[in-house]
Amino acid sequence: MAKAPRTEWDPYAGGCPSRDVLDRIGDKWTVLVLGELANSGAKRYTALRRRLDGVSEKMLTQTLRALERDGLVRRTVHPEIPPRVEYELTELGVTLRGPLLALTDWSMRHMNEVLEARAAYDQGKEAAHESAG
């Protein structure tokens, strides 16, 4: 596979392909799939689906295919009957473990503050709406 030429990417510039990567990495299901594979190693589709509460088969399949296409996840089909398919992080996917762990840690540490800010915002919006009406 030919490597793309090394380029300085600017995610703030329209049309920059790094935006696609940021969209992929920032997607809810992507973060959860990568996190689960980082924590547990190779997993079968059904085990991933059980672990990721609320994900549909369609969304999990789309997410895994996109991550495989981006080189972050490896799909391995074991020649058994019935075939056994496993998903695991590639070397490139493993490099995301630190940044995603930092985001997860931040969200867990600051969740109460975020919930308080949301409640205060929503109360302010309700008060403004009532006084305007």
C-alpha atoms as a PDB file:
ATOM      1  CA  MET A   1       0.000   0.000   0.000  1.00  0.00           C
ATOM      2  CA  ALA A   2       1.435   3.364  -1.005  1.00  0.00           C
ATOM      3  CA  LYS A   3       1.839   5.898   1.763  1.00  0.00           C
ATOM      4  CA  ALA A   4       0.369   9.341   1.345  1.00  0.00           C
ATOM      5  CA  PRO A   5       2.980  12.089   1.180  1.00  0.00           C
ATOM      6  CA  ARG A   6       3.654  13.705   4.537  1.00  0.00           C
ATOM      7  CA  THR A   7       1.803  17.004   4.657  1.00  0.00           C
ATOM      8  CA  GLU A   8       1.109  19.649   7.242  1.00  0.00           C
ATOM      9  CA  TRP A   9      -2.610  19.410   7.862  1.00  0.00           C
ATOM     10  CA  ASP A  10      -4.767  22.288   9.073  1.00  0.00           C
ATOM     11  CA  PRO A  11      -8.073  21.107  10.572  1.00  0.00           C
ATOM     12  CA  TYR A  12      -9.321  24.713  10.580  1.00  0.00           C
ATOM     13  CA  ALA A  13      -9.075  24.904   6.775  1.00  0.00           C
ATOM     14  CA  GLY A  14     -12.119  23.809   4.807  1.00  0.00           C
ATOM     15  CA  GLY A  15     -11.690  20.520   3.003  1.00  0.00           C
ATOM     16  CA  CYS A  16      -8.815  19.331   5.188  1.00  0.00           C
ATOM     17  CA  PRO A  17      -9.027  15.518   5.478  1.00  0.00           C
ATOM     18  CA  SER A  18      -7.986  15.734   9.123  1.00  0.00           C
ATOM     19  CA  ARG A  19     -11.557  16.875   9.799  1.00  0.00           C
ATOM     20  CA  ASP A  20     -12.785  13.425   8.737  1.00  0.00           C
ATOM     21  CA  VAL A  21     -10.378  11.804  11.184  1.00  0.00           C
ATOM     22  CA  LEU A  22     -11.471  14.151  13.983  1.00  0.00           C
ATOM     23  CA  ASP A  23     -15.107  13.370  13.189  1.00  0.00           C
ATOM     24  CA  ARG A  24     -14.361   9.651  13.341  1.00  0.00           C
ATOM     25  CA  ILE A  25     -12.404   9.834  16.598  1.00  0.00           C
ATOM     26  CA  GLY A  26     -14.978  12.130  18.197  1.00  0.00           C
ATOM     27  CA  ASP A  27     -17.934   9.878  17.387  1.00  0.00           C
ATOM     28  CA  LYS A  28     -19.613   8.382  20.465  1.00  0.00           C
ATOM     29  CA  TRP A  29     -19.506   4.778  19.256  1.00  0.00           C
ATOM     30  CA  THR A  30     -15.940   5.092  17.982  1.00  0.00           C
ATOM     31  CA  VAL A  31     -14.737   6.268  21.388  1.00  0.00           C
ATOM     32  CA  LEU A  32     -16.537   3.406  23.123  1.00  0.00           C
ATOM     33  CA  VAL A  33     -15.375   0.725  20.653  1.00  0.00           C
ATOM     34  CA  LEU A  34     -11.762   1.890  20.814  1.00  0.00           C
ATOM     35  CA  GLY A  35     -11.939   2.130  24.592  1.00  0.00           C
ATOM     36  CA  GLU A  36     -13.328  -1.364  24.952  1.00  0.00           C
ATOM     37  CA  LEU A  37     -10.742  -2.866  22.596  1.00  0.00           C
ATOM     38  CA  ALA A  38      -7.969  -0.959  24.392  1.00  0.00           C
ATOM     39  CA  ASN A  39      -9.140  -2.320  27.746  1.00  0.00           C
ATOM     40  CA  SER A  40      -9.858  -5.906  26.803  1.00  0.00           C
ATOM     41  CA  GLY A  41      -7.854  -6.765  23.692  1.00  0.00           C
ATOM     42  CA  ALA A  42      -9.352  -8.718  20.787  1.00  0.00           C
ATOM     43  CA  LYS A  43     -13.106  -9.196  20.985  1.00  0.00           C
ATOM     44  CA  ARG A  44     -15.784 -10.860  18.945  1.00  0.00           C
ATOM     45  CA  TYR A  45     -18.595  -8.785  17.481  1.00  0.00           C
ATOM     46  CA  THR A  46     -21.206 -10.225  19.831  1.00  0.00           C
ATOM     47  CA  ALA A  47     -19.048  -9.517  22.898  1.00  0.00           C
ATOM     48  CA  LEU A  48     -18.576  -5.915  21.764  1.00  0.00           C
ATOM     49  CA  ARG A  49     -22.296  -5.514  21.166  1.00  0.00           C
ATOM     50  CA  ARG A  50     -23.133  -6.881  24.619  1.00  0.00           C
ATOM     51  CA  ARG A  51     -20.611  -4.560  26.264  1.00  0.00           C
ATOM     52  CA  LEU A  52     -21.702  -1.399  24.396  1.00  0.00           C
ATOM     53  CA  ASP A  53     -25.166  -0.912  25.797  1.00  0.00           C
ATOM     54  CA  GLY A  54     -27.491   0.784  23.327  1.00  0.00           C
ATOM     55  CA  VAL A  55     -25.520   0.281  20.118  1.00  0.00           C
ATOM     56  CA  SER A  56     -27.515  -1.174  17.230  1.00  0.00           C
ATOM     57  CA  GLU A  57     -26.103  -3.911  15.018  1.00  0.00           C
ATOM     58  CA  LYS A  58     -26.100  -1.506  12.088  1.00  0.00           C
ATOM     59  CA  MET A  59     -24.210   1.216  13.992  1.00  0.00           C
ATOM     60  CA  LEU A  60     -21.648  -1.204  15.428  1.00  0.00           C
ATOM     61  CA  THR A  61     -21.038  -2.717  11.982  1.00  0.00           C
ATOM     62  CA  GLN A  62     -20.636   0.739  10.395  1.00  0.00           C
ATOM     63  CA  THR A  63     -18.299   1.870  13.174  1.00  0.00           C
ATOM     64  CA  LEU A  64     -16.110  -1.238  12.958  1.00  0.00           C
ATOM     65  CA  ARG A  65     -15.886  -0.997   9.146  1.00  0.00           C
ATOM     66  CA  ALA A  66     -14.927   2.679   9.325  1.00  0.00           C
ATOM     67  CA  LEU A  67     -12.286   1.996  11.980  1.00  0.00           C
ATOM     68  CA  GLU A  68     -10.901  -0.867   9.894  1.00  0.00           C
ATOM     69  CA  ARG A  69     -10.803   1.380   6.818  1.00  0.00           C
ATOM     70  CA  ASP A  70      -8.935   4.057   8.797  1.00  0.00           C
ATOM     71  CA  GLY A  71      -6.382   1.484   9.946  1.00  0.00           C
ATOM     72  CA  LEU A  72      -7.342   1.709  13.627  1.00  0.00           C
ATOM     73  CA  VAL A  73      -8.944  -1.725  13.999  1.00  0.00           C
ATOM     74  CA  ARG A  74      -7.954  -5.090  12.542  1.00  0.00           C
ATOM     75  CA  ARG A  75     -10.616  -7.653  11.638  1.00  0.00           C
ATOM     76  CA  THR A  76      -9.425 -11.237  11.768  1.00  0.00           C
ATOM     77  CA  VAL A  77     -11.482 -14.129  10.410  1.00  0.00           C
ATOM     78  CA  HIS A  78     -10.445 -17.460  11.914  1.00  0.00           C
ATOM     79  CA  PRO A  79     -11.032 -20.364   9.487  1.00  0.00           C
ATOM     80  CA  GLU A  80     -13.355 -22.385  11.692  1.00  0.00           C
ATOM     81  CA  ILE A  81     -16.872 -23.663  11.309  1.00  0.00           C
ATOM     82  CA  PRO A  82     -18.686 -21.468  11.986  1.00  0.00           C
ATOM     83  CA  PRO A  83     -16.142 -18.735  11.198  1.00  0.00           C
ATOM     84  CA  ARG A  84     -14.944 -16.772  14.222  1.00  0.00           C
ATOM     85  CA  VAL A  85     -14.314 -13.052  13.652  1.00  0.00           C
ATOM     86  CA  GLU A  86     -12.369 -10.908  16.101  1.00  0.00           C
ATOM     87  CA  TYR A  87     -11.607  -7.208  16.235  1.00  0.00           C
ATOM     88  CA  GLU A  88      -8.538  -5.673  17.834  1.00  0.00           C
ATOM     89  CA  LEU A  89      -6.631  -2.410  17.771  1.00  0.00           C
ATOM     90  CA  THR A  90      -3.852  -2.026  15.250  1.00  0.00           C
ATOM     91  CA  GLU A  91      -0.574  -0.355  16.219  1.00  0.00           C
ATOM     92  CA  LEU A  92      -2.065   2.909  14.969  1.00  0.00           C
ATOM     93  CA  GLY A  93      -5.222   2.329  17.008  1.00  0.00           C
ATOM     94  CA  VAL A  94      -3.157   1.722  20.146  1.00  0.00           C
ATOM     95  CA  THR A  95      -1.673   5.229  19.765  1.00  0.00           C
ATOM     96  CA  LEU A  96      -5.155   6.638  20.476  1.00  0.00           C
ATOM     97  CA  ARG A  97      -5.386   4.876  23.831  1.00  0.00           C
ATOM     98  CA  GLY A  98      -3.660   7.684  25.770  1.00  0.00           C
ATOM     99  CA  PRO A  99      -5.669  10.584  24.321  1.00  0.00           C
ATOM    100  CA  LEU A 100      -8.970   8.708  24.694  1.00  0.00           C
ATOM    101  CA  LEU A 101      -8.118   7.674  28.248  1.00  0.00           C
ATOM    102  CA  ALA A 102      -7.347  11.311  29.068  1.00  0.00           C
ATOM    103  CA  LEU A 103     -10.755  12.385  27.683  1.00  0.00           C
ATOM    104  CA  THR A 104     -12.524   9.605  29.563  1.00  0.00           C
ATOM    105  CA  ASP A 105     -10.759  10.516  32.802  1.00  0.00           C
ATOM    106  CA  TRP A 106     -11.606  14.196  32.304  1.00  0.00           C
ATOM    107  CA  SER A 107     -15.275  13.431  31.689  1.00  0.00           C
ATOM    108  CA  MET A 108     -15.514  11.228  34.774  1.00  0.00           C
ATOM    109  CA  ARG A 109     -13.721  13.771  36.976  1.00  0.00           C
ATOM    110  CA  HIS A 110     -15.812  16.712  35.806  1.00  0.00           C
ATOM    111  CA  MET A 111     -19.199  15.082  35.172  1.00  0.00           C
ATOM    112  CA  ASN A 112     -20.805  16.608  38.273  1.00  0.00           C
ATOM    113  CA  GLU A 113     -19.662  20.080  37.223  1.00  0.00           C
ATOM    114  CA  VAL A 114     -21.028  19.576  33.713  1.00  0.00           C
ATOM    115  CA  LEU A 115     -24.369  18.361  35.068  1.00  0.00           C
ATOM    116  CA  GLU A 116     -24.557  21.373  37.421  1.00  0.00           C
ATOM    117  CA  ALA A 117     -23.740  23.748  34.554  1.00  0.00           C
ATOM    118  CA  ARG A 118     -26.443  22.160  32.388  1.00  0.00           C
ATOM    119  CA  ALA A 119     -29.033  22.449  35.145  1.00  0.00           C
ATOM    120  CA  ALA A 120     -28.126  26.110  35.769  1.00  0.00           C
ATOM    121  CA  TYR A 121     -28.268  26.882  32.045  1.00  0.00           C
ATOM    122  CA  ASP A 122     -31.621  25.133  31.618  1.00  0.00           C
ATOM    123  CA  GLN A 123     -33.064  26.968  34.637  1.00  0.00           C
ATOM    124  CA  GLY A 124     -31.872  30.288  33.205  1.00  0.00           C
ATOM    125  CA  LYS A 125     -33.450  29.479  29.841  1.00  0.00           C
ATOM    126  CA  GLU A 126     -36.742  28.543  31.508  1.00  0.00           C
ATOM    127  CA  ALA A 127     -36.749  31.753  33.573  1.00  0.00           C
ATOM    128  CA  ALA A 128     -35.998  33.848  30.474  1.00  0.00           C
ATOM    129  CA  HIS A 129     -38.719  32.094  28.515  1.00  0.00           C
ATOM    130  CA  GLU A 130     -41.293  32.600  31.282  1.00  0.00           C
ATOM    131  CA  SER A 131     -40.473  36.316  31.668  1.00  0.00           C
ATOM    132  CA  ALA A 132     -40.664  36.833  27.896  1.00  0.00           C
ATOM    133  CA  GLY A 133     -44.006  35.083  27.610  1.00  0.00           C
END
